[in-house]
Structure formats: structure tokens, C-alpha cells
């Protein structure tokens, strides 16, 4: 609860980030240009990122922001390391209920799937799926949506009521599922997903 997060700090949606795993470098863009870059292993790199957030979120902070490093710990809603899978037909069904376009990036998925019926992913909990040539995942949990999905990923404006609409229209607040990797493998755009 002491973190900057999209659920509470909607302006974060206006930032674009890239993380280079090889160099541990986080790059943050604001309004189409680089705003900060830092190697998160170094005090200088972390300080560069902290300076950006100190300025970008100044009126929302209660103190100086800090970039934290915790090897082996996942700063996530789920304790285990998981991949989020979003069914685009479910997003389309939600659009129909909302009556407005719903950008799939609101759900911050790792994998977006086409070709499934709406809400099919929710029935896969407990099953294994394969993606591409060798990657396999076990679907472990439905993703319960929070207020972060209410924020437009392009404008940073809280403009929809996604969890409320899901509950009112479909009887649940879920959109997408978490998959735990049981066999690693490379995946690419347009890879087939089998279950």
C-alpha cells in the first residue's frame, strides 16, 4: 500500500517502460520521449528512476520515492511467478457491456489470445496449455480485476468502471487467467495455443 500503483496513481498509465534483462536497465518514456534511464543494480541508476517519480508524482507522494530491489521476490498480486493470459473475445464481450471501446492494454497481459469464445479462459483453471513449440503452462487462477483497469492506458484518465461492469454484467470481476510456467520455451506473435 505504500507503492505508486496504477490502481491509485492513474497518471502512471501515461508512462511507457522497457526493461533490458541483460543490462538491468529500466527506461521510462513520457510523452513520446525518454524521461529516465537507469541500471537498477546501481545506486546511480536507481536514483535516476527515483528522480523521475519524485517529479512526475510530486503531489501524490508522502516522501521521497525509492526503487526497491528484492532478489527472488515478486512485486505482484500473486506470490508465484506467473504469466497473465487475456482472451480478446472476453474483452470484446466487456466492450459490449460497457458500450464503449475497451483497450486490451488495460489488463496488462503477457499473452493475448484470439479464437476462443468469450470467457473460455476461465474454464481452464487446473489445466495445462502449450504455446508455440515447447512452452507449457498450468492455468492456476482467474484474474480478479481491480480499479487499475478503470484507467485508460493512453491518457491516464480514470474513465470506466471495469470491475463493477464485470460483476453487474457477468456475475464475476474476472478477466484473464494466470499461468505458471512448467516448461520454458520461446513464444512469438501468432503462435498457436493448445489445451
C-alpha atoms as a PDB file:
ATOM      1  CA  UNK A   1       0.000   0.000   0.000  1.00  0.00           C
ATOM      2  CA  UNK A   2       2.991   2.306   0.116  1.00  0.00           C
ATOM      3  CA  UNK A   3       3.846   1.876  -3.539  1.00  0.00           C
ATOM      4  CA  UNK A   4       2.999   4.019  -6.510  1.00  0.00           C
ATOM      5  CA  UNK A   5       0.474   1.904  -8.408  1.00  0.00           C
ATOM      6  CA  UNK A   6      -1.932   2.294 -11.276  1.00  0.00           C
ATOM      7  CA  UNK A   7      -4.874   1.364  -9.058  1.00  0.00           C
ATOM      8  CA  UNK A   8      -4.334   4.590  -7.097  1.00  0.00           C
ATOM      9  CA  UNK A   9      -1.988   6.699  -9.234  1.00  0.00           C
ATOM     10  CA  UNK A  10      -3.640   6.760 -12.658  1.00  0.00           C
ATOM     11  CA  UNK A  11      -1.108   9.158 -14.172  1.00  0.00           C
ATOM     12  CA  UNK A  12       1.335   6.218 -14.284  1.00  0.00           C
ATOM     13  CA  UNK A  13      -0.568   4.966 -17.336  1.00  0.00           C
ATOM     14  CA  UNK A  14       0.951   7.824 -19.345  1.00  0.00           C
ATOM     15  CA  UNK A  15       4.437   6.350 -18.897  1.00  0.00           C
ATOM     16  CA  UNK A  16       5.929   3.689 -21.179  1.00  0.00           C
ATOM     17  CA  UNK A  17       8.598   1.425 -19.755  1.00  0.00           C
ATOM     18  CA  UNK A  18      11.148  -1.034 -21.130  1.00  0.00           C
ATOM     19  CA  UNK A  19      13.393  -3.268 -19.071  1.00  0.00           C
ATOM     20  CA  UNK A  20      16.541  -4.783 -20.582  1.00  0.00           C
ATOM     21  CA  UNK A  21      17.138  -8.035 -18.734  1.00  0.00           C
ATOM     22  CA  UNK A  22      20.766  -8.286 -19.863  1.00  0.00           C
ATOM     23  CA  UNK A  23      21.794  -4.857 -18.552  1.00  0.00           C
ATOM     24  CA  UNK A  24      19.151  -4.493 -15.799  1.00  0.00           C
ATOM     25  CA  UNK A  25      18.321  -1.125 -17.335  1.00  0.00           C
ATOM     26  CA  UNK A  26      14.880   0.393 -16.919  1.00  0.00           C
ATOM     27  CA  UNK A  27      13.949   3.035 -19.487  1.00  0.00           C
ATOM     28  CA  UNK A  28      10.890   5.221 -18.944  1.00  0.00           C
ATOM     29  CA  UNK A  29       9.307   7.384 -21.624  1.00  0.00           C
ATOM     30  CA  UNK A  30       6.851  10.211 -21.060  1.00  0.00           C
ATOM     31  CA  UNK A  31       5.024  11.974 -23.900  1.00  0.00           C
ATOM     32  CA  UNK A  32       6.995  10.050 -26.532  1.00  0.00           C
ATOM     33  CA  UNK A  33      10.488  10.845 -25.261  1.00  0.00           C
ATOM     34  CA  UNK A  34      12.893   9.280 -22.815  1.00  0.00           C
ATOM     35  CA  UNK A  35      12.369  10.693 -19.332  1.00  0.00           C
ATOM     36  CA  UNK A  36      14.698   8.445 -17.326  1.00  0.00           C
ATOM     37  CA  UNK A  37      17.070   5.518 -17.720  1.00  0.00           C
ATOM     38  CA  UNK A  38      18.924   3.610 -15.048  1.00  0.00           C
ATOM     39  CA  UNK A  39      20.714   0.345 -14.302  1.00  0.00           C
ATOM     40  CA  UNK A  40      18.698  -0.889 -11.321  1.00  0.00           C
ATOM     41  CA  UNK A  41      21.747  -2.710  -9.888  1.00  0.00           C
ATOM     42  CA  UNK A  42      23.499   0.581  -9.185  1.00  0.00           C
ATOM     43  CA  UNK A  43      22.687   3.395  -6.747  1.00  0.00           C
ATOM     44  CA  UNK A  44      23.070   5.915  -9.597  1.00  0.00           C
ATOM     45  CA  UNK A  45      20.678   4.014 -11.832  1.00  0.00           C
ATOM     46  CA  UNK A  46      18.058   3.715  -9.109  1.00  0.00           C
ATOM     47  CA  UNK A  47      18.489   7.411  -8.261  1.00  0.00           C
ATOM     48  CA  UNK A  48      17.764   8.368 -11.897  1.00  0.00           C
ATOM     49  CA  UNK A  49      14.450   6.499 -11.760  1.00  0.00           C
ATOM     50  CA  UNK A  50      13.629   7.913  -8.315  1.00  0.00           C
ATOM     51  CA  UNK A  51      14.187  11.479  -9.559  1.00  0.00           C
ATOM     52  CA  UNK A  52      11.679  10.942 -12.358  1.00  0.00           C
ATOM     53  CA  UNK A  53       8.987   9.695  -9.963  1.00  0.00           C
ATOM     54  CA  UNK A  54       9.741  12.456  -7.443  1.00  0.00           C
ATOM     55  CA  UNK A  55       8.896  14.967 -10.164  1.00  0.00           C
ATOM     56  CA  UNK A  56       6.184  13.068 -12.065  1.00  0.00           C
ATOM     57  CA  UNK A  57       4.169  12.154  -8.947  1.00  0.00           C
ATOM     58  CA  UNK A  58       5.188  15.011  -6.657  1.00  0.00           C
ATOM     59  CA  UNK A  59       1.686  15.882  -5.474  1.00  0.00           C
ATOM     60  CA  UNK A  60       0.867  12.236  -4.644  1.00  0.00           C
ATOM     61  CA  UNK A  61       3.948  11.359  -2.612  1.00  0.00           C
ATOM     62  CA  UNK A  62       4.315  11.390   1.165  1.00  0.00           C
ATOM     63  CA  UNK A  63       8.092  11.285   0.991  1.00  0.00           C
ATOM     64  CA  UNK A  64      10.940  10.634  -1.391  1.00  0.00           C
ATOM     65  CA  UNK A  65      10.247   7.674  -3.702  1.00  0.00           C
ATOM     66  CA  UNK A  66      12.638   4.733  -3.617  1.00  0.00           C
ATOM     67  CA  UNK A  67      13.290   1.978  -6.119  1.00  0.00           C
ATOM     68  CA  UNK A  68      13.474  -1.290  -4.206  1.00  0.00           C
ATOM     69  CA  UNK A  69      15.469  -4.386  -5.083  1.00  0.00           C
ATOM     70  CA  UNK A  70      14.439  -7.731  -3.595  1.00  0.00           C
ATOM     71  CA  UNK A  71      16.016 -10.751  -5.325  1.00  0.00           C
ATOM     72  CA  UNK A  72      13.621 -13.668  -5.559  1.00  0.00           C
ATOM     73  CA  UNK A  73      10.616 -11.576  -4.526  1.00  0.00           C
ATOM     74  CA  UNK A  74       7.788 -10.800  -6.925  1.00  0.00           C
ATOM     75  CA  UNK A  75       6.117  -7.397  -6.603  1.00  0.00           C
ATOM     76  CA  UNK A  76       2.875  -8.853  -7.880  1.00  0.00           C
ATOM     77  CA  UNK A  77      -0.659  -9.719  -6.822  1.00  0.00           C
ATOM     78  CA  UNK A  78       0.333 -13.403  -6.999  1.00  0.00           C
ATOM     79  CA  UNK A  79       3.066 -14.989  -4.884  1.00  0.00           C
ATOM     80  CA  UNK A  80       4.262 -17.432  -7.552  1.00  0.00           C
ATOM     81  CA  UNK A  81       5.799 -16.336 -10.836  1.00  0.00           C
ATOM     82  CA  UNK A  82       3.003 -16.348 -13.395  1.00  0.00           C
ATOM     83  CA  UNK A  83       2.128 -15.228 -16.914  1.00  0.00           C
ATOM     84  CA  UNK A  84      -1.161 -13.392 -17.460  1.00  0.00           C
ATOM     85  CA  UNK A  85      -3.280 -14.534 -20.393  1.00  0.00           C
ATOM     86  CA  UNK A  86      -6.045 -12.313 -21.768  1.00  0.00           C
ATOM     87  CA  UNK A  87      -8.748 -13.590 -24.116  1.00  0.00           C
ATOM     88  CA  UNK A  88      -9.595 -10.811 -26.577  1.00  0.00           C
ATOM     89  CA  UNK A  89     -13.124 -12.214 -27.057  1.00  0.00           C
ATOM     90  CA  UNK A  90     -13.740 -11.624 -23.347  1.00  0.00           C
ATOM     91  CA  UNK A  91     -12.505  -8.046 -23.763  1.00  0.00           C
ATOM     92  CA  UNK A  92     -14.937  -7.664 -26.695  1.00  0.00           C
ATOM     93  CA  UNK A  93     -17.800  -9.008 -24.543  1.00  0.00           C
ATOM     94  CA  UNK A  94     -16.873  -6.475 -21.877  1.00  0.00           C
ATOM     95  CA  UNK A  95     -16.889  -3.721 -24.534  1.00  0.00           C
ATOM     96  CA  UNK A  96     -20.453  -4.712 -25.366  1.00  0.00           C
ATOM     97  CA  UNK A  97     -21.443  -4.397 -21.708  1.00  0.00           C
ATOM     98  CA  UNK A  98     -19.640  -1.059 -21.257  1.00  0.00           C
ATOM     99  CA  UNK A  99     -20.912   0.367 -24.536  1.00  0.00           C
ATOM    100  CA  UNK A 100     -17.510   1.909 -25.283  1.00  0.00           C
ATOM    101  CA  UNK A 101     -14.163   0.684 -26.631  1.00  0.00           C
ATOM    102  CA  UNK A 102     -12.047  -1.128 -24.005  1.00  0.00           C
ATOM    103  CA  UNK A 103      -8.333  -1.132 -24.798  1.00  0.00           C
ATOM    104  CA  UNK A 104      -6.851  -4.603 -24.090  1.00  0.00           C
ATOM    105  CA  UNK A 105      -3.793  -2.945 -22.516  1.00  0.00           C
ATOM    106  CA  UNK A 106      -5.989  -2.038 -19.531  1.00  0.00           C
ATOM    107  CA  UNK A 107      -5.438  -5.663 -18.471  1.00  0.00           C
ATOM    108  CA  UNK A 108      -1.614  -5.573 -18.743  1.00  0.00           C
ATOM    109  CA  UNK A 109      -1.433  -9.100 -20.176  1.00  0.00           C
ATOM    110  CA  UNK A 110       1.675 -11.019 -21.095  1.00  0.00           C
ATOM    111  CA  UNK A 111      -0.178 -13.088 -23.721  1.00  0.00           C
ATOM    112  CA  UNK A 112      -3.273 -12.044 -25.694  1.00  0.00           C
ATOM    113  CA  UNK A 113      -5.340 -14.834 -27.285  1.00  0.00           C
ATOM    114  CA  UNK A 114      -7.718 -14.768 -30.253  1.00  0.00           C
ATOM    115  CA  UNK A 115     -10.008 -17.545 -31.419  1.00  0.00           C
ATOM    116  CA  UNK A 116     -11.507 -18.589 -28.081  1.00  0.00           C
ATOM    117  CA  UNK A 117     -15.120 -17.882 -27.163  1.00  0.00           C
ATOM    118  CA  UNK A 118     -15.631 -15.150 -24.563  1.00  0.00           C
ATOM    119  CA  UNK A 119     -14.779 -16.293 -21.018  1.00  0.00           C
ATOM    120  CA  UNK A 120     -13.390 -19.667 -22.207  1.00  0.00           C
ATOM    121  CA  UNK A 121     -10.150 -18.969 -20.342  1.00  0.00           C
ATOM    122  CA  UNK A 122     -11.977 -19.032 -17.005  1.00  0.00           C
ATOM    123  CA  UNK A 123     -12.801 -22.720 -17.536  1.00  0.00           C
ATOM    124  CA  UNK A 124      -9.133 -23.638 -17.989  1.00  0.00           C
ATOM    125  CA  UNK A 125      -8.097 -23.312 -14.331  1.00  0.00           C
ATOM    126  CA  UNK A 126      -6.285 -26.530 -13.377  1.00  0.00           C
ATOM    127  CA  UNK A 127      -5.490 -27.439 -16.983  1.00  0.00           C
ATOM    128  CA  UNK A 128      -2.229 -27.283 -18.928  1.00  0.00           C
ATOM    129  CA  UNK A 129      -1.767 -25.330 -22.144  1.00  0.00           C
ATOM    130  CA  UNK A 130       1.045 -25.278 -24.695  1.00  0.00           C
ATOM    131  CA  UNK A 131       2.188 -22.189 -26.576  1.00  0.00           C
ATOM    132  CA  UNK A 132       4.363 -22.366 -29.673  1.00  0.00           C
ATOM    133  CA  UNK A 133       6.810 -25.241 -29.957  1.00  0.00           C
ATOM    134  CA  UNK A 134       7.709 -26.122 -26.381  1.00  0.00           C
ATOM    135  CA  UNK A 135       6.352 -23.715 -23.759  1.00  0.00           C
ATOM    136  CA  UNK A 136       3.802 -25.226 -21.369  1.00  0.00           C
ATOM    137  CA  UNK A 137       1.829 -23.548 -18.607  1.00  0.00           C
ATOM    138  CA  UNK A 138      -0.579 -24.709 -15.923  1.00  0.00           C
ATOM    139  CA  UNK A 139      -3.520 -22.349 -15.525  1.00  0.00           C
ATOM    140  CA  UNK A 140      -3.607 -21.654 -11.795  1.00  0.00           C
ATOM    141  CA  UNK A 141      -6.016 -18.803 -11.168  1.00  0.00           C
ATOM    142  CA  UNK A 142      -8.590 -16.444 -12.634  1.00  0.00           C
ATOM    143  CA  UNK A 143      -7.525 -12.785 -12.547  1.00  0.00           C
ATOM    144  CA  UNK A 144      -9.829 -10.709 -10.364  1.00  0.00           C
ATOM    145  CA  UNK A 145      -9.777  -7.169 -11.696  1.00  0.00           C
ATOM    146  CA  UNK A 146      -9.180  -4.076  -9.599  1.00  0.00           C
ATOM    147  CA  UNK A 147      -9.586  -0.344 -10.116  1.00  0.00           C
ATOM    148  CA  UNK A 148      -6.363  -0.178 -12.154  1.00  0.00           C
ATOM    149  CA  UNK A 149      -8.371  -1.386 -15.170  1.00  0.00           C
ATOM    150  CA  UNK A 150     -10.567   1.698 -14.900  1.00  0.00           C
ATOM    151  CA  UNK A 151      -7.641   3.808 -16.167  1.00  0.00           C
ATOM    152  CA  UNK A 152      -7.230   4.467 -19.893  1.00  0.00           C
ATOM    153  CA  UNK A 153      -3.711   3.237 -20.795  1.00  0.00           C
ATOM    154  CA  UNK A 154      -3.178   6.064 -23.274  1.00  0.00           C
ATOM    155  CA  UNK A 155      -4.475   9.082 -21.378  1.00  0.00           C
ATOM    156  CA  UNK A 156      -4.011   8.094 -17.730  1.00  0.00           C
ATOM    157  CA  UNK A 157      -7.622   9.133 -17.050  1.00  0.00           C
ATOM    158  CA  UNK A 158      -9.908   7.002 -14.885  1.00  0.00           C
ATOM    159  CA  UNK A 159     -12.831   6.777 -17.301  1.00  0.00           C
ATOM    160  CA  UNK A 160     -14.539   3.361 -16.943  1.00  0.00           C
ATOM    161  CA  UNK A 161     -15.814   1.115 -14.148  1.00  0.00           C
ATOM    162  CA  UNK A 162     -14.434  -2.243 -15.294  1.00  0.00           C
ATOM    163  CA  UNK A 163     -14.761  -4.366 -12.092  1.00  0.00           C
ATOM    164  CA  UNK A 164     -18.270  -3.023 -11.438  1.00  0.00           C
ATOM    165  CA  UNK A 165     -19.328  -3.698 -15.032  1.00  0.00           C
ATOM    166  CA  UNK A 166     -17.885  -7.213 -14.951  1.00  0.00           C
ATOM    167  CA  UNK A 167     -19.771  -8.005 -11.739  1.00  0.00           C
ATOM    168  CA  UNK A 168     -23.035  -6.421 -12.879  1.00  0.00           C
ATOM    169  CA  UNK A 169     -22.995  -7.902 -16.396  1.00  0.00           C
ATOM    170  CA  UNK A 170     -21.285 -11.274 -15.937  1.00  0.00           C
ATOM    171  CA  UNK A 171     -21.565 -12.118 -12.241  1.00  0.00           C
ATOM    172  CA  UNK A 172     -17.805 -12.044 -11.614  1.00  0.00           C
ATOM    173  CA  UNK A 173     -14.984  -9.493 -11.618  1.00  0.00           C
ATOM    174  CA  UNK A 174     -12.567 -11.720 -13.568  1.00  0.00           C
ATOM    175  CA  UNK A 175     -10.882 -11.087 -16.909  1.00  0.00           C
ATOM    176  CA  UNK A 176      -7.979 -13.328 -17.862  1.00  0.00           C
ATOM    177  CA  UNK A 177      -6.094 -16.129 -16.127  1.00  0.00           C
ATOM    178  CA  UNK A 178      -2.668 -16.685 -14.606  1.00  0.00           C
ATOM    179  CA  UNK A 179      -0.491 -19.491 -15.962  1.00  0.00           C
ATOM    180  CA  UNK A 180       2.513 -20.931 -14.143  1.00  0.00           C
ATOM    181  CA  UNK A 181       5.325 -21.947 -16.499  1.00  0.00           C
ATOM    182  CA  UNK A 182       6.015 -25.672 -16.185  1.00  0.00           C
ATOM    183  CA  UNK A 183       8.198 -25.935 -19.279  1.00  0.00           C
ATOM    184  CA  UNK A 184      10.055 -22.899 -20.614  1.00  0.00           C
ATOM    185  CA  UNK A 185      10.203 -22.096 -24.295  1.00  0.00           C
ATOM    186  CA  UNK A 186      10.243 -19.178 -26.674  1.00  0.00           C
ATOM    187  CA  UNK A 187       6.918 -17.818 -27.843  1.00  0.00           C
ATOM    188  CA  UNK A 188       6.202 -15.397 -30.658  1.00  0.00           C
ATOM    189  CA  UNK A 189       3.381 -13.402 -32.196  1.00  0.00           C
ATOM    190  CA  UNK A 190       0.776 -15.674 -33.859  1.00  0.00           C
ATOM    191  CA  UNK A 191       1.967 -18.845 -32.074  1.00  0.00           C
ATOM    192  CA  UNK A 192      -0.736 -21.445 -31.597  1.00  0.00           C
ATOM    193  CA  UNK A 193      -2.047 -22.005 -28.082  1.00  0.00           C
ATOM    194  CA  UNK A 194      -3.277 -25.551 -27.401  1.00  0.00           C
ATOM    195  CA  UNK A 195      -5.074 -27.113 -24.443  1.00  0.00           C
END
